[in-house]
Amino acid sequence: MPKDNFTGKEIPKGHGHMYVKKDGTVYWFLNQKSEKNFLKLKRNPVKTKWTNFYHRDKEIKLKSAKGGK
């Protein structure tokens, strides 16, 4: 199953949008909210609090601040 390029969530079969750029790059989106944030608003998923990428980045920063592995 493909993953949403903005949120990082898996897209179930029969759902989602596929966006193909002129250069052949393919982007998958779970819903219009993530599609609009990525393409139109050009937001960074690491700085958007409701994405998996934000939580993953935050977790890595906490581990490195604590000195953990």
C-alpha atoms as a PDB file:
ATOM      1  CA  MET A   1       0.000   0.000   0.000  1.00  0.00           C
ATOM      2  CA  PRO A   2       1.259   3.495  -0.780  1.00  0.00           C
ATOM      3  CA  LYS A   3       1.915   6.048   1.953  1.00  0.00           C
ATOM      4  CA  ASP A   4       0.644   9.613   2.059  1.00  0.00           C
ATOM      5  CA  ASN A   5       3.502  11.924   1.031  1.00  0.00           C
ATOM      6  CA  PHE A   6       2.434  14.594   3.515  1.00  0.00           C
ATOM      7  CA  THR A   7       1.229  12.752   6.615  1.00  0.00           C
ATOM      8  CA  GLY A   8       3.135   9.475   6.321  1.00  0.00           C
ATOM      9  CA  LYS A   9      -0.001   7.374   6.907  1.00  0.00           C
ATOM     10  CA  GLU A  10      -0.730   4.270   4.842  1.00  0.00           C
ATOM     11  CA  ILE A  11      -3.507   4.620   2.270  1.00  0.00           C
ATOM     12  CA  PRO A  12      -6.001   1.720   2.155  1.00  0.00           C
ATOM     13  CA  LYS A  13      -6.905   0.235  -1.223  1.00  0.00           C
ATOM     14  CA  GLY A  14      -9.633   2.147  -3.026  1.00  0.00           C
ATOM     15  CA  HIS A  15      -8.873   5.420  -1.234  1.00  0.00           C
ATOM     16  CA  GLY A  16      -6.652   8.410  -1.781  1.00  0.00           C
ATOM     17  CA  HIS A  17      -5.494  10.585  -4.640  1.00  0.00           C
ATOM     18  CA  MET A  18      -2.554  10.133  -6.960  1.00  0.00           C
ATOM     19  CA  TYR A  19      -0.916  13.318  -8.276  1.00  0.00           C
ATOM     20  CA  VAL A  20       1.608  13.049 -11.122  1.00  0.00           C
ATOM     21  CA  LYS A  21       3.824  16.003 -12.018  1.00  0.00           C
ATOM     22  CA  LYS A  22       4.995  16.729 -15.555  1.00  0.00           C
ATOM     23  CA  ASP A  23       8.444  15.336 -14.749  1.00  0.00           C
ATOM     24  CA  GLY A  24       6.916  11.979 -13.771  1.00  0.00           C
ATOM     25  CA  THR A  25       7.108  12.373  -9.991  1.00  0.00           C
ATOM     26  CA  VAL A  26       4.173  10.612  -8.301  1.00  0.00           C
ATOM     27  CA  TYR A  27       2.659  11.859  -5.033  1.00  0.00           C
ATOM     28  CA  TRP A  28       0.028   9.944  -3.065  1.00  0.00           C
ATOM     29  CA  PHE A  29      -2.420  11.682  -0.709  1.00  0.00           C
ATOM     30  CA  LEU A  30      -4.921  10.196   1.731  1.00  0.00           C
ATOM     31  CA  ASN A  31      -7.341  13.118   1.464  1.00  0.00           C
ATOM     32  CA  GLN A  32      -7.722  16.634   0.105  1.00  0.00           C
ATOM     33  CA  LYS A  33      -6.482  18.155   3.364  1.00  0.00           C
ATOM     34  CA  SER A  34      -3.012  16.680   2.974  1.00  0.00           C
ATOM     35  CA  GLU A  35      -3.004  17.310  -0.790  1.00  0.00           C
ATOM     36  CA  LYS A  36      -3.805  21.001  -0.350  1.00  0.00           C
ATOM     37  CA  ASN A  37      -1.255  21.456   2.446  1.00  0.00           C
ATOM     38  CA  PHE A  38       1.493  19.896   0.330  1.00  0.00           C
ATOM     39  CA  LEU A  39       0.779  21.246  -3.151  1.00  0.00           C
ATOM     40  CA  LYS A  40      -1.061  24.544  -2.760  1.00  0.00           C
ATOM     41  CA  LEU A  41       0.038  25.825   0.651  1.00  0.00           C
ATOM     42  CA  LYS A  42       3.547  24.312   0.324  1.00  0.00           C
ATOM     43  CA  ARG A  43       3.754  23.424   4.009  1.00  0.00           C
ATOM     44  CA  ASN A  44       6.577  21.406   5.513  1.00  0.00           C
ATOM     45  CA  PRO A  45       5.208  18.159   7.036  1.00  0.00           C
ATOM     46  CA  VAL A  46       7.884  18.229   9.756  1.00  0.00           C
ATOM     47  CA  LYS A  47       6.527  21.580  10.996  1.00  0.00           C
ATOM     48  CA  THR A  48       2.835  20.560  10.799  1.00  0.00           C
ATOM     49  CA  LYS A  49       1.758  19.171  14.180  1.00  0.00           C
ATOM     50  CA  TRP A  50      -0.840  16.639  12.973  1.00  0.00           C
ATOM     51  CA  THR A  51       1.507  14.638  10.716  1.00  0.00           C
ATOM     52  CA  ASN A  52       3.473  11.489  11.550  1.00  0.00           C
ATOM     53  CA  PHE A  53       6.637  13.194  10.280  1.00  0.00           C
ATOM     54  CA  TYR A  54       6.271  15.902  12.966  1.00  0.00           C
ATOM     55  CA  HIS A  55       5.904  13.342  15.757  1.00  0.00           C
ATOM     56  CA  ARG A  56       8.819  11.252  14.456  1.00  0.00           C
ATOM     57  CA  ASP A  57      11.071  14.321  14.295  1.00  0.00           C
ATOM     58  CA  LYS A  58      10.008  15.447  17.762  1.00  0.00           C
ATOM     59  CA  GLU A  59      10.745  11.980  19.170  1.00  0.00           C
ATOM     60  CA  ILE A  60      14.231  11.968  17.624  1.00  0.00           C
ATOM     61  CA  LYS A  61      14.993  15.408  19.064  1.00  0.00           C
ATOM     62  CA  LEU A  62      13.866  14.322  22.549  1.00  0.00           C
ATOM     63  CA  LYS A  63      16.066  11.218  22.433  1.00  0.00           C
ATOM     64  CA  SER A  64      19.114  13.195  21.330  1.00  0.00           C
ATOM     65  CA  ALA A  65      18.513  15.831  24.028  1.00  0.00           C
ATOM     66  CA  LYS A  66      18.365  13.135  26.706  1.00  0.00           C
ATOM     67  CA  GLY A  67      21.517  11.496  25.385  1.00  0.00           C
ATOM     68  CA  GLY A  68      19.720   8.247  24.513  1.00  0.00           C
ATOM     69  CA  LYS A  69      20.341   5.996  21.562  1.00  0.00           C
END
